[in-house]
């Protein structure tokens, strides 16, 4: 998907940058060493896919070692969603409520390729920093997003209304076909507070024109992250603000649950 914002074109590709931690994030952290995971190379599973599976399983092992088993099922759903490019179930309120902790960062300390009689595998060992939530979601913090359609024509403008029960700030991120980008705030856009109980029309001063390449319809996913405090997602590079889905989830689920509301919207451009 392409979004034209004033003179800025955001094209969603994958890349990596850095992460900044601040007090709005969970305050309780635990270091875990020697978490392990294995991914099997068999059939149509590539070595790269097996490696990612091994990393995901090692993350789950790290959560288990940190003693927050309540998050295991939620993380398994996340990893399954990443594979299938469908995050709808993962962003449900039930799953978010279940999350008692998250892998904030990790370092792979060992990686091996092993051979068996009928298949190969990738085994990884990693050290991780686990954020353990000491607070629950705030039931009084609710946000409504109105006006996003399920289908847009090529060149049509994206606009919507926001109504929040509390003063808050918004990040919009896109996850599309394993690629990701920060959509709002852009490099040349004002990062405004959304006042409580007032219906706000978005975007503020820019036009978000939707357009695509090729003749086939394009399916899009947008992640809306509302926070009580003015935090910044800085885990991107370049004017296109490119990032990865893993970086997005690391940031979102590093935020303390009482400080955030996450919503997920999908639409098609034809």
C-alpha atoms as a PDB file:
ATOM      1  CA  UNK A   1       0.000   0.000   0.000  1.00  0.00           C
ATOM      2  CA  UNK A   2       1.093   3.558  -0.621  1.00  0.00           C
ATOM      3  CA  UNK A   3      -0.024   6.563   1.427  1.00  0.00           C
ATOM      4  CA  UNK A   4       0.650  10.006   0.001  1.00  0.00           C
ATOM      5  CA  UNK A   5       0.987  12.579   2.775  1.00  0.00           C
ATOM      6  CA  UNK A   6       1.470  16.102   1.440  1.00  0.00           C
ATOM      7  CA  UNK A   7       4.746  15.665  -0.499  1.00  0.00           C
ATOM      8  CA  UNK A   8       5.772  12.556   1.409  1.00  0.00           C
ATOM      9  CA  UNK A   9       5.378   9.041   0.018  1.00  0.00           C
ATOM     10  CA  UNK A  10       5.463   6.171   2.498  1.00  0.00           C
ATOM     11  CA  UNK A  11       6.259   2.831   0.844  1.00  0.00           C
ATOM     12  CA  UNK A  12       6.212  -0.146   3.204  1.00  0.00           C
ATOM     13  CA  UNK A  13       9.438  -2.188   3.181  1.00  0.00           C
ATOM     14  CA  UNK A  14      11.304  -4.101   5.917  1.00  0.00           C
ATOM     15  CA  UNK A  15      14.427  -2.865   7.765  1.00  0.00           C
ATOM     16  CA  UNK A  16      15.957  -2.475  11.225  1.00  0.00           C
ATOM     17  CA  UNK A  17      16.928   0.348  13.596  1.00  0.00           C
ATOM     18  CA  UNK A  18      17.135   1.174  17.325  1.00  0.00           C
ATOM     19  CA  UNK A  19      14.783   1.200  20.336  1.00  0.00           C
ATOM     20  CA  UNK A  20      14.525   3.751  23.147  1.00  0.00           C
ATOM     21  CA  UNK A  21      13.086   2.805  26.542  1.00  0.00           C
ATOM     22  CA  UNK A  22      11.288   5.244  28.830  1.00  0.00           C
ATOM     23  CA  UNK A  23       9.237   5.259  32.059  1.00  0.00           C
ATOM     24  CA  UNK A  24       5.926   4.534  30.315  1.00  0.00           C
ATOM     25  CA  UNK A  25       7.246   1.036  29.706  1.00  0.00           C
ATOM     26  CA  UNK A  26       6.888  -1.728  32.249  1.00  0.00           C
ATOM     27  CA  UNK A  27       9.209  -1.048  35.171  1.00  0.00           C
ATOM     28  CA  UNK A  28       9.955  -4.647  36.176  1.00  0.00           C
ATOM     29  CA  UNK A  29      12.610  -6.432  34.131  1.00  0.00           C
ATOM     30  CA  UNK A  30      14.256  -9.816  34.398  1.00  0.00           C
ATOM     31  CA  UNK A  31      17.329 -11.094  32.564  1.00  0.00           C
ATOM     32  CA  UNK A  32      17.148 -14.640  31.257  1.00  0.00           C
ATOM     33  CA  UNK A  33      20.174 -16.513  29.923  1.00  0.00           C
ATOM     34  CA  UNK A  34      20.364 -19.667  27.869  1.00  0.00           C
ATOM     35  CA  UNK A  35      16.830 -19.863  26.476  1.00  0.00           C
ATOM     36  CA  UNK A  36      16.702 -22.371  23.627  1.00  0.00           C
ATOM     37  CA  UNK A  37      14.546 -23.168  20.625  1.00  0.00           C
ATOM     38  CA  UNK A  38      14.640 -25.431  17.573  1.00  0.00           C
ATOM     39  CA  UNK A  39      13.124 -25.039  14.113  1.00  0.00           C
ATOM     40  CA  UNK A  40      12.754 -27.958  11.719  1.00  0.00           C
ATOM     41  CA  UNK A  41      13.753 -27.772   8.038  1.00  0.00           C
ATOM     42  CA  UNK A  42      11.460 -30.206   6.277  1.00  0.00           C
ATOM     43  CA  UNK A  43       9.142 -30.195   3.272  1.00  0.00           C
ATOM     44  CA  UNK A  44       8.512 -26.616   2.119  1.00  0.00           C
ATOM     45  CA  UNK A  45       9.977 -25.063   5.269  1.00  0.00           C
ATOM     46  CA  UNK A  46      13.068 -23.050   4.318  1.00  0.00           C
ATOM     47  CA  UNK A  47      16.153 -22.576   6.442  1.00  0.00           C
ATOM     48  CA  UNK A  48      15.212 -18.935   7.079  1.00  0.00           C
ATOM     49  CA  UNK A  49      11.719 -19.962   8.229  1.00  0.00           C
ATOM     50  CA  UNK A  50      13.150 -22.655  10.475  1.00  0.00           C
ATOM     51  CA  UNK A  51      15.559 -20.153  12.000  1.00  0.00           C
ATOM     52  CA  UNK A  52      12.736 -17.729  12.787  1.00  0.00           C
ATOM     53  CA  UNK A  53      10.715 -20.565  14.285  1.00  0.00           C
ATOM     54  CA  UNK A  54      13.696 -21.472  16.465  1.00  0.00           C
ATOM     55  CA  UNK A  55      13.998 -17.860  17.650  1.00  0.00           C
ATOM     56  CA  UNK A  56      10.275 -17.710  18.427  1.00  0.00           C
ATOM     57  CA  UNK A  57      10.445 -20.943  20.423  1.00  0.00           C
ATOM     58  CA  UNK A  58      13.488 -19.635  22.298  1.00  0.00           C
ATOM     59  CA  UNK A  59      11.531 -16.488  23.179  1.00  0.00           C
ATOM     60  CA  UNK A  60       8.746 -18.622  24.597  1.00  0.00           C
ATOM     61  CA  UNK A  61      11.341 -20.574  26.577  1.00  0.00           C
ATOM     62  CA  UNK A  62      12.691 -17.257  27.902  1.00  0.00           C
ATOM     63  CA  UNK A  63       9.198 -16.242  29.058  1.00  0.00           C
ATOM     64  CA  UNK A  64       8.798 -19.607  30.729  1.00  0.00           C
ATOM     65  CA  UNK A  65      12.162 -19.246  32.484  1.00  0.00           C
ATOM     66  CA  UNK A  66      11.091 -15.773  33.656  1.00  0.00           C
ATOM     67  CA  UNK A  67       8.064 -17.355  35.332  1.00  0.00           C
ATOM     68  CA  UNK A  68       5.317 -15.676  33.292  1.00  0.00           C
ATOM     69  CA  UNK A  69       3.636 -18.698  31.789  1.00  0.00           C
ATOM     70  CA  UNK A  70       0.401 -16.734  31.380  1.00  0.00           C
ATOM     71  CA  UNK A  71       1.914 -15.087  28.298  1.00  0.00           C
ATOM     72  CA  UNK A  72       2.888 -18.313  26.546  1.00  0.00           C
ATOM     73  CA  UNK A  73      -0.390 -18.873  24.716  1.00  0.00           C
ATOM     74  CA  UNK A  74      -0.538 -15.213  23.694  1.00  0.00           C
ATOM     75  CA  UNK A  75       2.970 -15.330  22.259  1.00  0.00           C
ATOM     76  CA  UNK A  76       2.212 -18.536  20.387  1.00  0.00           C
ATOM     77  CA  UNK A  77      -0.773 -16.769  18.826  1.00  0.00           C
ATOM     78  CA  UNK A  78       1.464 -13.826  17.876  1.00  0.00           C
ATOM     79  CA  UNK A  79       4.005 -16.025  16.137  1.00  0.00           C
ATOM     80  CA  UNK A  80       1.266 -17.923  14.322  1.00  0.00           C
ATOM     81  CA  UNK A  81      -0.201 -14.588  13.218  1.00  0.00           C
ATOM     82  CA  UNK A  82       3.187 -13.422  11.922  1.00  0.00           C
ATOM     83  CA  UNK A  83       3.411 -16.505   9.734  1.00  0.00           C
ATOM     84  CA  UNK A  84      -0.125 -16.085   8.402  1.00  0.00           C
ATOM     85  CA  UNK A  85       0.019 -12.267   8.076  1.00  0.00           C
ATOM     86  CA  UNK A  86      -3.195 -11.980  10.101  1.00  0.00           C
ATOM     87  CA  UNK A  87      -3.064 -10.196  13.467  1.00  0.00           C
ATOM     88  CA  UNK A  88      -6.774  -9.744  14.074  1.00  0.00           C
ATOM     89  CA  UNK A  89      -7.082 -12.349  16.823  1.00  0.00           C
ATOM     90  CA  UNK A  90      -3.839 -11.328  18.465  1.00  0.00           C
ATOM     91  CA  UNK A  91      -4.981  -7.742  18.898  1.00  0.00           C
ATOM     92  CA  UNK A  92      -8.197  -8.775  20.627  1.00  0.00           C
ATOM     93  CA  UNK A  93      -8.725  -7.384  24.125  1.00  0.00           C
ATOM     94  CA  UNK A  94      -8.754 -10.891  25.595  1.00  0.00           C
ATOM     95  CA  UNK A  95      -5.257 -11.639  24.346  1.00  0.00           C
ATOM     96  CA  UNK A  96      -3.925  -8.279  25.478  1.00  0.00           C
ATOM     97  CA  UNK A  97      -5.365  -8.837  28.944  1.00  0.00           C
ATOM     98  CA  UNK A  98      -3.624 -12.209  29.128  1.00  0.00           C
ATOM     99  CA  UNK A  99      -0.227 -10.692  28.454  1.00  0.00           C
ATOM    100  CA  UNK A 100       1.701 -10.580  31.737  1.00  0.00           C
ATOM    101  CA  UNK A 101       5.086  -9.959  30.173  1.00  0.00           C
ATOM    102  CA  UNK A 102       7.008  -9.586  26.935  1.00  0.00           C
ATOM    103  CA  UNK A 103      10.447 -10.138  25.422  1.00  0.00           C
ATOM    104  CA  UNK A 104      11.829  -6.588  25.267  1.00  0.00           C
ATOM    105  CA  UNK A 105      15.122  -7.487  23.601  1.00  0.00           C
ATOM    106  CA  UNK A 106      17.273 -10.528  22.961  1.00  0.00           C
ATOM    107  CA  UNK A 107      20.722 -11.550  21.779  1.00  0.00           C
ATOM    108  CA  UNK A 108      21.471 -14.811  19.981  1.00  0.00           C
ATOM    109  CA  UNK A 109      24.529 -16.297  21.662  1.00  0.00           C
ATOM    110  CA  UNK A 110      24.646 -19.593  19.786  1.00  0.00           C
ATOM    111  CA  UNK A 111      23.244 -20.988  16.559  1.00  0.00           C
ATOM    112  CA  UNK A 112      23.688 -24.516  15.186  1.00  0.00           C
ATOM    113  CA  UNK A 113      22.508 -26.404  12.120  1.00  0.00           C
ATOM    114  CA  UNK A 114      21.900 -30.057  12.936  1.00  0.00           C
ATOM    115  CA  UNK A 115      21.371 -33.062  10.693  1.00  0.00           C
ATOM    116  CA  UNK A 116      18.991 -35.930  11.428  1.00  0.00           C
ATOM    117  CA  UNK A 117      18.006 -38.990   9.416  1.00  0.00           C
ATOM    118  CA  UNK A 118      15.056 -37.393   7.627  1.00  0.00           C
ATOM    119  CA  UNK A 119      15.411 -33.668   8.255  1.00  0.00           C
ATOM    120  CA  UNK A 120      17.634 -30.794   9.334  1.00  0.00           C
ATOM    121  CA  UNK A 121      17.076 -28.285  12.095  1.00  0.00           C
ATOM    122  CA  UNK A 122      18.268 -24.899  13.308  1.00  0.00           C
ATOM    123  CA  UNK A 123      18.873 -24.594  17.050  1.00  0.00           C
ATOM    124  CA  UNK A 124      19.386 -21.223  18.727  1.00  0.00           C
ATOM    125  CA  UNK A 125      20.319 -20.150  22.230  1.00  0.00           C
ATOM    126  CA  UNK A 126      19.588 -16.608  23.310  1.00  0.00           C
ATOM    127  CA  UNK A 127      19.797 -14.261  26.268  1.00  0.00           C
ATOM    128  CA  UNK A 128      16.780 -12.025  26.760  1.00  0.00           C
ATOM    129  CA  UNK A 129      15.471  -9.105  28.773  1.00  0.00           C
ATOM    130  CA  UNK A 130      11.902  -9.815  29.870  1.00  0.00           C
ATOM    131  CA  UNK A 131       9.530  -7.025  30.853  1.00  0.00           C
ATOM    132  CA  UNK A 132       7.153  -8.206  33.554  1.00  0.00           C
ATOM    133  CA  UNK A 133       3.966  -6.178  33.848  1.00  0.00           C
ATOM    134  CA  UNK A 134       3.171  -4.965  37.337  1.00  0.00           C
ATOM    135  CA  UNK A 135      -0.103  -3.340  36.253  1.00  0.00           C
ATOM    136  CA  UNK A 136      -3.244  -4.413  34.407  1.00  0.00           C
ATOM    137  CA  UNK A 137      -5.045  -2.650  31.518  1.00  0.00           C
ATOM    138  CA  UNK A 138      -6.971   0.451  32.565  1.00  0.00           C
ATOM    139  CA  UNK A 139     -10.705  -0.336  32.086  1.00  0.00           C
ATOM    140  CA  UNK A 140     -11.489   3.399  31.943  1.00  0.00           C
ATOM    141  CA  UNK A 141      -9.167   4.010  28.978  1.00  0.00           C
ATOM    142  CA  UNK A 142     -11.166   3.321  25.813  1.00  0.00           C
ATOM    143  CA  UNK A 143     -10.851   4.634  22.267  1.00  0.00           C
ATOM    144  CA  UNK A 144     -13.261   4.477  19.328  1.00  0.00           C
ATOM    145  CA  UNK A 145     -12.117   4.754  15.707  1.00  0.00           C
ATOM    146  CA  UNK A 146     -14.938   5.587  13.313  1.00  0.00           C
ATOM    147  CA  UNK A 147     -15.042   5.976   9.552  1.00  0.00           C
ATOM    148  CA  UNK A 148     -12.517   3.458   8.248  1.00  0.00           C
ATOM    149  CA  UNK A 149     -14.131   1.529   5.411  1.00  0.00           C
ATOM    150  CA  UNK A 150     -13.412  -2.045   4.440  1.00  0.00           C
ATOM    151  CA  UNK A 151     -12.904  -1.105   0.775  1.00  0.00           C
ATOM    152  CA  UNK A 152     -11.263   1.932  -0.865  1.00  0.00           C
ATOM    153  CA  UNK A 153     -10.787   2.860  -4.487  1.00  0.00           C
ATOM    154  CA  UNK A 154      -7.280   3.536  -5.780  1.00  0.00           C
ATOM    155  CA  UNK A 155      -6.483   7.199  -5.025  1.00  0.00           C
ATOM    156  CA  UNK A 156      -9.200   7.628  -2.389  1.00  0.00           C
ATOM    157  CA  UNK A 157      -8.358   9.492   0.830  1.00  0.00           C
ATOM    158  CA  UNK A 158      -8.121   7.797   4.229  1.00  0.00           C
ATOM    159  CA  UNK A 159      -9.815   9.749   7.020  1.00  0.00           C
ATOM    160  CA  UNK A 160     -11.511   8.802  10.272  1.00  0.00           C
ATOM    161  CA  UNK A 161     -12.722  10.115  13.633  1.00  0.00           C
ATOM    162  CA  UNK A 162     -11.234   9.347  17.048  1.00  0.00           C
ATOM    163  CA  UNK A 163     -13.058   9.527  20.381  1.00  0.00           C
ATOM    164  CA  UNK A 164     -11.066   8.738  23.546  1.00  0.00           C
ATOM    165  CA  UNK A 165     -12.106   8.623  27.180  1.00  0.00           C
ATOM    166  CA  UNK A 166      -8.711  10.055  28.201  1.00  0.00           C
ATOM    167  CA  UNK A 167      -6.170  12.503  26.820  1.00  0.00           C
ATOM    168  CA  UNK A 168      -3.824  10.426  24.714  1.00  0.00           C
ATOM    169  CA  UNK A 169      -1.348  10.259  21.840  1.00  0.00           C
ATOM    170  CA  UNK A 170      -1.546   8.133  18.701  1.00  0.00           C
ATOM    171  CA  UNK A 171       0.897   6.094  16.628  1.00  0.00           C
ATOM    172  CA  UNK A 172      -0.259   4.441  13.403  1.00  0.00           C
ATOM    173  CA  UNK A 173       1.857   1.587  12.096  1.00  0.00           C
ATOM    174  CA  UNK A 174       1.423  -0.563   9.020  1.00  0.00           C
ATOM    175  CA  UNK A 175       2.192  -4.271   8.744  1.00  0.00           C
ATOM    176  CA  UNK A 176       1.866  -5.496   5.193  1.00  0.00           C
ATOM    177  CA  UNK A 177       3.141  -8.759   3.696  1.00  0.00           C
ATOM    178  CA  UNK A 178       5.932  -9.114   6.284  1.00  0.00           C
ATOM    179  CA  UNK A 179       6.896  -5.481   5.790  1.00  0.00           C
ATOM    180  CA  UNK A 180       6.207  -2.623   8.153  1.00  0.00           C
ATOM    181  CA  UNK A 181       6.388   1.149   8.581  1.00  0.00           C
ATOM    182  CA  UNK A 182       5.499   3.951  10.969  1.00  0.00           C
ATOM    183  CA  UNK A 183       2.745   5.914   9.225  1.00  0.00           C
ATOM    184  CA  UNK A 184       1.954   8.553  11.879  1.00  0.00           C
ATOM    185  CA  UNK A 185       3.539  10.684  13.155  1.00  0.00           C
ATOM    186  CA  UNK A 186       5.515  11.376  10.002  1.00  0.00           C
ATOM    187  CA  UNK A 187       8.775  13.261   9.943  1.00  0.00           C
ATOM    188  CA  UNK A 188       7.037  16.513   8.986  1.00  0.00           C
ATOM    189  CA  UNK A 189       3.796  16.144  10.938  1.00  0.00           C
ATOM    190  CA  UNK A 190       2.906  17.627  14.314  1.00  0.00           C
ATOM    191  CA  UNK A 191       2.545  14.977  17.041  1.00  0.00           C
ATOM    192  CA  UNK A 192      -0.591  16.248  18.760  1.00  0.00           C
ATOM    193  CA  UNK A 193      -2.419  15.206  21.897  1.00  0.00           C
ATOM    194  CA  UNK A 194      -5.926  13.820  21.369  1.00  0.00           C
ATOM    195  CA  UNK A 195      -8.156  15.502  23.978  1.00  0.00           C
ATOM    196  CA  UNK A 196     -10.543  13.336  25.969  1.00  0.00           C
ATOM    197  CA  UNK A 197     -14.268  13.141  25.131  1.00  0.00           C
ATOM    198  CA  UNK A 198     -13.895  15.204  21.948  1.00  0.00           C
ATOM    199  CA  UNK A 199     -14.450  13.653  18.533  1.00  0.00           C
ATOM    200  CA  UNK A 200     -11.297  14.436  16.547  1.00  0.00           C
ATOM    201  CA  UNK A 201     -11.090  14.181  12.767  1.00  0.00           C
ATOM    202  CA  UNK A 202      -7.871  12.633  11.496  1.00  0.00           C
ATOM    203  CA  UNK A 203      -5.568  13.401   9.708  1.00  0.00           C
ATOM    204  CA  UNK A 204      -5.024  16.894  11.087  1.00  0.00           C
ATOM    205  CA  UNK A 205      -3.496  18.845   8.222  1.00  0.00           C
ATOM    206  CA  UNK A 206      -2.240  16.299   5.706  1.00  0.00           C
ATOM    207  CA  UNK A 207      -4.038  14.259   3.062  1.00  0.00           C
ATOM    208  CA  UNK A 208      -3.614  10.486   3.346  1.00  0.00           C
ATOM    209  CA  UNK A 209      -4.242   9.323  -0.209  1.00  0.00           C
ATOM    210  CA  UNK A 210      -4.320   5.566  -0.713  1.00  0.00           C
ATOM    211  CA  UNK A 211      -2.919   4.116  -3.889  1.00  0.00           C
ATOM    212  CA  UNK A 212      -1.378   0.881  -5.092  1.00  0.00           C
ATOM    213  CA  UNK A 213       0.799  -0.561  -7.806  1.00  0.00           C
ATOM    214  CA  UNK A 214      -0.552  -3.039 -10.295  1.00  0.00           C
ATOM    215  CA  UNK A 215      -4.099  -4.059 -11.134  1.00  0.00           C
ATOM    216  CA  UNK A 216      -4.771  -6.507  -8.280  1.00  0.00           C
ATOM    217  CA  UNK A 217      -6.476  -5.402  -5.032  1.00  0.00           C
ATOM    218  CA  UNK A 218      -4.137  -4.791  -2.079  1.00  0.00           C
ATOM    219  CA  UNK A 219      -4.984  -5.900   1.480  1.00  0.00           C
ATOM    220  CA  UNK A 220      -3.722  -3.601   4.233  1.00  0.00           C
ATOM    221  CA  UNK A 221      -3.306  -3.785   8.016  1.00  0.00           C
ATOM    222  CA  UNK A 222      -2.976  -0.768  10.297  1.00  0.00           C
ATOM    223  CA  UNK A 223      -2.068  -0.886  13.988  1.00  0.00           C
ATOM    224  CA  UNK A 224      -3.341   2.021  16.125  1.00  0.00           C
ATOM    225  CA  UNK A 225      -1.442   2.475  19.392  1.00  0.00           C
ATOM    226  CA  UNK A 226      -2.889   5.001  21.856  1.00  0.00           C
ATOM    227  CA  UNK A 227      -0.827   5.975  24.905  1.00  0.00           C
ATOM    228  CA  UNK A 228      -1.619   8.207  27.866  1.00  0.00           C
ATOM    229  CA  UNK A 229       1.828   9.788  27.801  1.00  0.00           C
ATOM    230  CA  UNK A 230       3.761  11.275  24.888  1.00  0.00           C
ATOM    231  CA  UNK A 231       6.091   8.405  23.996  1.00  0.00           C
ATOM    232  CA  UNK A 232       7.867   7.963  20.680  1.00  0.00           C
ATOM    233  CA  UNK A 233       8.343   4.919  18.490  1.00  0.00           C
ATOM    234  CA  UNK A 234      11.862   5.466  17.151  1.00  0.00           C
ATOM    235  CA  UNK A 235      12.566   1.963  15.904  1.00  0.00           C
ATOM    236  CA  UNK A 236      12.712   2.868  12.200  1.00  0.00           C
ATOM    237  CA  UNK A 237      15.118   4.170   9.565  1.00  0.00           C
ATOM    238  CA  UNK A 238      14.912   6.610   6.668  1.00  0.00           C
ATOM    239  CA  UNK A 239      12.295   9.056   5.496  1.00  0.00           C
ATOM    240  CA  UNK A 240       9.978   6.136   4.794  1.00  0.00           C
ATOM    241  CA  UNK A 241      10.197   5.249   8.520  1.00  0.00           C
ATOM    242  CA  UNK A 242      10.758   1.588   7.719  1.00  0.00           C
ATOM    243  CA  UNK A 243      10.718  -1.045  10.454  1.00  0.00           C
ATOM    244  CA  UNK A 244       9.680  -4.673  11.061  1.00  0.00           C
ATOM    245  CA  UNK A 245       6.683  -6.361  12.676  1.00  0.00           C
ATOM    246  CA  UNK A 246       8.978  -7.793  15.355  1.00  0.00           C
ATOM    247  CA  UNK A 247      10.197  -4.307  16.273  1.00  0.00           C
ATOM    248  CA  UNK A 248       6.617  -3.052  16.430  1.00  0.00           C
ATOM    249  CA  UNK A 249       5.514  -5.816  18.787  1.00  0.00           C
ATOM    250  CA  UNK A 250       8.590  -5.367  20.949  1.00  0.00           C
ATOM    251  CA  UNK A 251       7.660  -1.706  21.390  1.00  0.00           C
ATOM    252  CA  UNK A 252       3.909  -2.170  21.832  1.00  0.00           C
ATOM    253  CA  UNK A 253       4.137  -4.955  24.375  1.00  0.00           C
ATOM    254  CA  UNK A 254       6.958  -3.230  26.193  1.00  0.00           C
ATOM    255  CA  UNK A 255       4.487  -0.472  27.066  1.00  0.00           C
ATOM    256  CA  UNK A 256       2.840  -0.952  30.430  1.00  0.00           C
ATOM    257  CA  UNK A 257      -0.709  -2.318  29.891  1.00  0.00           C
ATOM    258  CA  UNK A 258      -2.328   0.483  31.913  1.00  0.00           C
ATOM    259  CA  UNK A 259      -0.727   3.055  29.573  1.00  0.00           C
ATOM    260  CA  UNK A 260      -1.902   1.783  26.184  1.00  0.00           C
ATOM    261  CA  UNK A 261      -4.855   0.833  24.034  1.00  0.00           C
ATOM    262  CA  UNK A 262      -4.161  -1.063  20.803  1.00  0.00           C
ATOM    263  CA  UNK A 263      -6.603  -1.421  17.935  1.00  0.00           C
ATOM    264  CA  UNK A 264      -6.243  -3.081  14.571  1.00  0.00           C
ATOM    265  CA  UNK A 265      -7.954  -2.152  11.286  1.00  0.00           C
ATOM    266  CA  UNK A 266      -7.890  -3.813   7.877  1.00  0.00           C
ATOM    267  CA  UNK A 267      -9.057  -2.630   4.472  1.00  0.00           C
ATOM    268  CA  UNK A 268      -8.590  -3.335   0.794  1.00  0.00           C
ATOM    269  CA  UNK A 269      -7.591  -0.945  -2.006  1.00  0.00           C
ATOM    270  CA  UNK A 270      -8.967  -1.986  -5.384  1.00  0.00           C
END
